[in-house]
Amino acid sequence: MSTQEKKIEYYDRYKSKLCEETVMGEGAIRWAYQTMSGKILSTFMFGNSILSYLLGLYFDSSLSKRQIKKTIEDLKIDKNEFELPIEQFKSFNDFFTRNLKKESRPFKNDKKLIASPADGRVLVYPDASKDSIISIKGMQDSVQNFIGKEIKGFEKCSVAVVRLCPSDYHRFHFPCNGTTIQSGKIRGLYHSVNPLALDSVKNIFCRNKREFTLCATPECNFIISEVGAFGVAGILQTYVGNKFKKMDEKGYFKFGGSTVMLIFPKESIRFSKDLIEQSKKGTETLIHVGDTIGNFNK
């Protein structure tokens, strides 16, 4: 099968089977990353914030409301999970950043268990070194370069990469109890984080716009980072203060698929067996925010 015909498949944790992903704007993504003309223009498209900013203005406007119903139908989004009926959304971004009913994303309040910070498709890397080339898809560079600075205690890491699609709930949450220590923002590009792009462009995660927060728990310190992408008009942090509980909202993405990454010191956690097994095959696993992705070793 050629690159142009390659299907994107993920493992559905709930159905215990492989599924094919429906890609919003698939034709445009394939053109941008798999054709010569697209690759030439992509330098401008993804090298600055202009197009993402203009898209953000449109999706914040009432003119974008017309796309809500079609998107729900095309991407088979379960509107029964929405906190509000679709008639109350004032713009596409209002729908995109929607809240869900609390019962639609249950979680186990065990302090030893680590929850997924977002809805999405996850790959886990139990052993990654910040000082050497690592095999994280989309990040052939070091964890240190991804963060943009050296942080003690993360010489060897365990990493979870949660990729959000346009169909997903786009608010992200803290995966456990703890406190924030410091945060930072790193300017960058606006490449798509779709696997079609990750297969074509090296180091997207180390090149895109991103934010990170260093957090402390009784068990260990960890880093949670949000990565921007094409069409992401903003990464908005909504948490207040420095103390947080498991599943407290941390923030949300405006329109566009994006990524949340968790980075732990290597010996501090153990990822769930099913995630490790699928990740070894290079297969992402569909999960919901609040789902258990691992546990602390202490």
Protein backbone atom coordinates (compact mmCIF):
# COMPACT_ATOMS: atom_id res chain seq x y z
CA MET A 1 0.00 0.00 0.00
CA SER A 2 1.46 3.40 -1.00
CA THR A 3 1.83 6.30 1.42
CA GLN A 4 -1.08 8.04 -0.33
CA GLU A 5 -3.32 5.02 0.28
CA LYS A 6 -2.18 4.27 3.82
CA LYS A 7 -5.05 4.00 6.28
CA ILE A 8 -4.82 5.26 9.84
CA GLU A 9 -5.81 2.53 12.27
CA TYR A 10 -6.03 2.60 16.05
CA TYR A 11 -6.89 0.06 18.72
CA ASP A 12 -10.23 0.69 20.42
CA ARG A 13 -9.77 -0.19 24.10
CA TYR A 14 -13.54 -0.47 24.62
CA LYS A 15 -14.32 -2.66 21.62
CA SER A 16 -11.03 -4.61 21.77
CA LYS A 17 -10.41 -4.30 18.04
CA LEU A 18 -8.65 -2.25 15.38
CA CYS A 19 -10.67 0.58 13.82
CA GLU A 20 -10.03 2.93 10.92
CA GLU A 21 -9.82 6.62 11.76
CA THR A 22 -12.03 9.15 9.98
CA VAL A 23 -9.72 12.10 9.22
CA MET A 24 -11.28 15.55 9.04
CA GLY A 25 -9.80 17.35 6.03
CA GLU A 26 -7.89 14.22 4.95
CA GLY A 27 -7.53 15.39 1.35
CA ALA A 28 -5.94 18.68 2.42
CA ILE A 29 -3.55 16.94 4.83
CA ARG A 30 -2.44 14.43 2.18
CA TRP A 31 -1.91 17.26 -0.30
CA ALA A 32 0.14 19.32 2.18
CA TYR A 33 2.40 16.47 3.27
CA GLN A 34 2.48 14.05 0.35
CA THR A 35 2.68 16.23 -2.79
CA MET A 36 5.50 18.44 -4.03
CA SER A 37 3.32 21.54 -4.36
CA GLY A 38 1.88 21.00 -0.89
CA LYS A 39 5.30 20.58 0.70
CA ILE A 40 6.50 23.82 -0.91
CA LEU A 41 3.52 25.83 0.33
CA SER A 42 3.51 24.15 3.74
CA THR A 43 6.61 26.14 4.69
CA PHE A 44 4.40 29.24 4.71
CA MET A 45 1.23 27.54 5.93
CA PHE A 46 2.75 25.95 9.02
CA GLY A 47 5.68 28.30 9.62
CA ASN A 48 3.61 31.11 11.13
CA SER A 49 0.37 31.72 12.99
CA ILE A 50 -1.44 33.75 10.32
CA LEU A 51 -3.64 31.00 8.86
CA SER A 52 -4.34 29.45 12.25
CA TYR A 53 -5.26 32.92 13.56
CA LEU A 54 -7.64 33.55 10.64
CA LEU A 55 -9.23 30.14 11.07
CA GLY A 56 -9.64 30.94 14.75
CA LEU A 57 -11.51 34.16 13.95
CA TYR A 58 -13.88 32.26 11.67
CA PHE A 59 -14.51 29.42 14.11
CA ASP A 60 -15.17 31.93 16.89
CA SER A 61 -17.81 33.66 14.75
CA SER A 62 -21.50 32.80 14.47
CA LEU A 63 -20.95 32.08 10.75
CA SER A 64 -19.25 28.81 11.72
CA LYS A 65 -22.36 27.42 13.45
CA ARG A 66 -23.50 25.85 10.18
CA GLN A 67 -20.63 23.34 10.37
CA ILE A 68 -21.53 21.91 13.77
CA LYS A 69 -24.27 19.49 12.74
CA LYS A 70 -22.34 18.16 9.72
CA THR A 71 -19.20 17.63 11.81
CA ILE A 72 -21.17 15.67 14.42
CA GLU A 73 -22.64 13.48 11.67
CA ASP A 74 -19.42 13.00 9.67
CA LEU A 75 -17.27 12.16 12.70
CA LYS A 76 -20.02 10.19 14.49
CA ILE A 77 -19.74 12.22 17.69
CA ASP A 78 -22.06 11.15 20.52
CA LYS A 79 -24.08 14.29 21.27
CA ASN A 80 -25.73 12.55 24.24
CA GLU A 81 -22.49 13.17 26.14
CA PHE A 82 -22.75 16.97 25.72
CA GLU A 83 -23.56 19.06 28.77
CA LEU A 84 -25.55 21.46 26.54
CA PRO A 85 -27.82 20.79 23.53
CA ILE A 86 -26.22 21.71 20.18
CA GLU A 87 -28.73 24.55 19.68
CA GLN A 88 -27.03 26.48 22.48
CA PHE A 89 -23.59 26.56 20.85
CA LYS A 90 -22.94 30.08 19.54
CA SER A 91 -20.02 29.15 17.25
CA PHE A 92 -18.04 26.13 16.08
CA ASN A 93 -15.40 26.80 18.75
CA ASP A 94 -18.16 26.93 21.34
CA PHE A 95 -19.05 23.40 20.26
CA PHE A 96 -15.42 22.33 19.89
CA THR A 97 -14.52 23.35 23.47
CA ARG A 98 -17.75 21.85 24.85
CA ASN A 99 -18.12 20.49 28.35
CA LEU A 100 -19.37 16.94 28.82
CA LYS A 101 -21.71 15.44 31.38
CA LYS A 102 -19.62 14.30 34.34
CA GLU A 103 -21.01 10.77 34.15
CA SER A 104 -19.73 10.40 30.58
CA ARG A 105 -16.08 10.37 31.76
CA PRO A 106 -15.88 8.35 34.99
CA PHE A 107 -12.51 7.76 36.69
CA LYS A 108 -11.06 5.82 39.60
CA ASN A 109 -10.07 8.13 42.46
CA ASP A 110 -7.21 5.86 43.55
CA LYS A 111 -4.14 8.03 44.26
CA LYS A 112 -1.81 5.34 42.86
CA LEU A 113 -3.53 5.26 39.47
CA ILE A 114 -2.64 7.72 36.70
CA ALA A 115 -5.50 8.97 34.51
CA SER A 116 -5.36 9.96 30.88
CA PRO A 117 -5.27 13.78 30.71
CA ALA A 118 -7.43 13.88 27.58
CA ASP A 119 -9.58 12.02 25.12
CA GLY A 120 -7.44 10.72 22.28
CA ARG A 121 -5.24 8.04 20.84
CA VAL A 122 -2.25 7.17 23.01
CA LEU A 123 1.23 5.78 22.49
CA VAL A 124 3.40 5.04 25.54
CA TYR A 125 7.18 4.85 25.77
CA PRO A 126 8.31 3.23 29.05
CA ASP A 127 11.99 4.02 28.43
CA ALA A 128 13.10 7.30 26.82
CA SER A 129 16.31 9.23 27.48
CA LYS A 130 16.43 13.00 27.21
CA ASP A 131 20.09 12.93 26.13
CA SER A 132 19.80 10.52 23.22
CA ILE A 133 17.72 9.96 20.10
CA ILE A 134 14.44 8.36 21.13
CA SER A 135 11.76 6.57 19.17
CA ILE A 136 8.77 8.71 20.09
CA LYS A 137 6.76 9.05 16.88
CA GLY A 138 6.93 12.65 15.74
CA MET A 139 9.82 13.43 18.08
CA GLN A 140 13.13 11.99 16.92
CA ASP A 141 14.85 14.59 19.09
CA SER A 142 15.51 14.53 22.83
CA VAL A 143 12.98 15.14 25.57
CA GLN A 144 15.25 17.94 26.78
CA ASN A 145 14.90 19.77 23.43
CA PHE A 146 11.16 19.20 23.48
CA ILE A 147 10.87 20.99 26.84
CA GLY A 148 13.38 23.62 25.75
CA LYS A 149 15.40 23.41 28.97
CA GLU A 150 17.10 20.94 31.26
CA ILE A 151 15.07 19.78 34.24
CA LYS A 152 16.78 17.61 36.85
CA GLY A 153 15.35 14.15 37.47
CA PHE A 154 14.30 13.49 33.87
CA GLU A 155 17.55 12.02 32.54
CA LYS A 156 15.57 8.87 31.74
CA CYS A 157 11.83 9.13 31.20
CA SER A 158 8.58 7.30 30.66
CA VAL A 159 6.40 9.18 28.18
CA ALA A 160 2.72 9.04 27.15
CA VAL A 161 1.63 10.87 23.98
CA VAL A 162 -2.14 11.48 23.69
CA ARG A 163 -3.17 12.70 20.22
CA LEU A 164 -6.54 14.45 20.05
CA CYS A 165 -8.66 14.38 16.90
CA PRO A 166 -11.33 16.93 15.90
CA SER A 167 -13.99 14.44 17.05
CA ASP A 168 -12.64 14.37 20.60
CA TYR A 169 -13.53 16.30 23.73
CA HIS A 170 -10.87 19.04 23.72
CA ARG A 171 -10.47 19.92 27.38
CA PHE A 172 -7.48 18.46 29.20
CA HIS A 173 -7.17 17.55 32.87
CA PHE A 174 -4.61 16.75 35.54
CA PRO A 175 -3.86 12.98 35.69
CA CYS A 176 -3.41 12.78 39.48
CA ASN A 177 -3.24 14.88 42.67
CA GLY A 178 -0.41 17.36 43.10
CA THR A 179 0.90 20.90 42.83
CA THR A 180 2.37 22.93 39.98
CA ILE A 181 6.00 24.08 40.32
CA GLN A 182 6.70 26.03 37.14
CA SER A 183 5.38 26.47 33.62
CA GLY A 184 6.65 27.70 30.29
CA LYS A 185 5.69 28.47 26.70
CA ILE A 186 7.76 27.66 23.63
CA ARG A 187 7.13 29.37 20.32
CA GLY A 188 7.06 27.15 17.28
CA LEU A 189 5.42 26.03 14.05
CA TYR A 190 1.85 24.90 13.38
CA HIS A 191 2.20 21.51 11.68
CA SER A 192 -0.63 18.99 11.78
CA VAL A 193 -0.10 16.22 14.36
CA ASN A 194 -2.01 13.67 12.27
CA PRO A 195 0.00 10.45 11.61
CA LEU A 196 0.05 11.40 7.91
CA ALA A 197 2.11 14.45 8.90
CA LEU A 198 4.22 12.65 11.52
CA ASP A 199 5.28 10.15 8.85
CA SER A 200 6.38 12.95 6.51
CA VAL A 201 8.04 15.58 8.72
CA LYS A 202 10.68 14.88 11.35
CA ASN A 203 10.50 16.31 14.86
CA ILE A 204 7.03 17.89 14.61
CA PHE A 205 6.58 17.81 18.39
CA CYS A 206 9.94 19.52 18.92
CA ARG A 207 9.15 22.14 16.26
CA ASN A 208 5.52 23.03 17.01
CA LYS A 209 4.24 25.60 19.47
CA ARG A 210 3.89 24.06 22.93
CA GLU A 211 3.45 24.72 26.63
CA PHE A 212 4.60 22.71 29.62
CA THR A 213 3.96 22.54 33.36
CA LEU A 214 6.27 20.89 35.87
CA CYS A 215 4.21 19.29 38.64
CA ALA A 216 4.95 17.61 41.97
CA THR A 217 3.15 14.65 43.54
CA PRO A 218 3.99 12.71 46.73
CA GLU A 219 5.36 9.96 44.44
CA CYS A 220 7.45 11.99 41.97
CA ASN A 221 7.62 15.09 39.80
CA PHE A 222 6.18 14.94 36.29
CA ILE A 223 5.69 17.18 33.25
CA ILE A 224 2.44 17.74 31.37
CA SER A 225 2.78 19.47 28.02
CA GLU A 226 0.26 20.68 25.44
CA VAL A 227 1.32 20.84 21.78
CA GLY A 228 -0.32 23.17 19.27
CA ALA A 229 -1.09 22.24 15.66
CA PHE A 230 -2.45 23.70 12.44
CA GLY A 231 -5.84 25.28 13.08
CA VAL A 232 -5.31 25.42 16.84
CA ALA A 233 -6.19 29.03 17.53
CA GLY A 234 -5.17 28.76 21.14
CA ILE A 235 -3.99 26.65 24.07
CA LEU A 236 -5.88 28.09 27.02
CA GLN A 237 -4.95 27.28 30.62
CA THR A 238 -7.96 27.51 32.94
CA TYR A 239 -6.58 26.16 36.23
CA VAL A 240 -6.17 28.58 39.14
CA GLY A 241 -3.61 28.33 41.93
CA ASN A 242 -0.94 25.67 42.26
CA LYS A 243 -2.83 22.80 43.91
CA PHE A 244 -4.85 20.34 41.84
CA LYS A 245 -6.78 17.13 42.27
CA LYS A 246 -7.06 14.24 39.84
CA MET A 247 -9.30 15.18 36.88
CA ASP A 248 -9.40 18.89 37.72
CA GLU A 249 -9.57 20.79 34.44
CA LYS A 250 -6.21 22.22 33.37
CA GLY A 251 -7.29 23.91 30.13
CA TYR A 252 -8.54 23.40 26.60
CA PHE A 253 -7.62 23.67 22.92
CA LYS A 254 -9.56 25.76 20.45
CA PHE A 255 -10.24 24.31 16.99
CA GLY A 256 -7.77 21.78 15.60
CA GLY A 257 -6.40 18.39 16.53
CA SER A 258 -3.57 18.50 19.02
CA THR A 259 -1.57 16.59 21.62
CA VAL A 260 -1.07 16.29 25.37
CA MET A 261 2.14 14.66 26.57
CA LEU A 262 2.99 13.27 30.02
CA ILE A 263 6.64 12.82 31.00
CA PHE A 264 7.63 10.93 34.17
CA PRO A 265 11.01 9.87 35.60
CA LYS A 266 11.55 6.35 34.25
CA GLU A 267 11.44 4.33 37.46
CA SER A 268 8.47 6.17 38.94
CA ILE A 269 5.53 4.65 37.01
CA ARG A 270 4.32 1.58 35.15
CA PHE A 271 2.06 1.94 32.10
CA SER A 272 -0.99 -0.31 31.60
CA LYS A 273 -0.21 -3.60 29.87
CA ASP A 274 -2.58 -3.11 26.93
CA LEU A 275 -1.06 0.29 26.11
CA ILE A 276 2.46 -1.14 26.17
CA GLU A 277 1.47 -4.06 23.93
CA GLN A 278 -0.20 -1.86 21.30
CA SER A 279 2.54 0.77 21.44
CA LYS A 280 5.20 -1.86 20.72
CA LYS A 281 3.35 -2.47 17.43
CA GLY A 282 3.26 1.26 16.73
CA THR A 283 -0.52 1.24 17.19
CA GLU A 284 -2.30 4.03 19.05
CA THR A 285 -4.98 3.08 21.58
CA LEU A 286 -8.25 5.02 21.82
CA ILE A 287 -8.87 6.18 25.39
CA HIS A 288 -11.05 8.69 27.23
CA VAL A 289 -9.95 11.33 29.69
CA GLY A 290 -9.95 9.78 33.17
CA ASP A 291 -9.17 6.27 31.93
CA THR A 292 -6.30 4.62 33.79
CA ILE A 293 -3.08 4.60 31.77
CA GLY A 294 -0.72 3.40 34.50
CA ASN A 295 0.21 3.52 38.17
CA PHE A 296 2.89 4.95 40.41
CA ASN A 297 5.50 2.42 41.55
CA LYS A 298 5.72 3.77 45.10
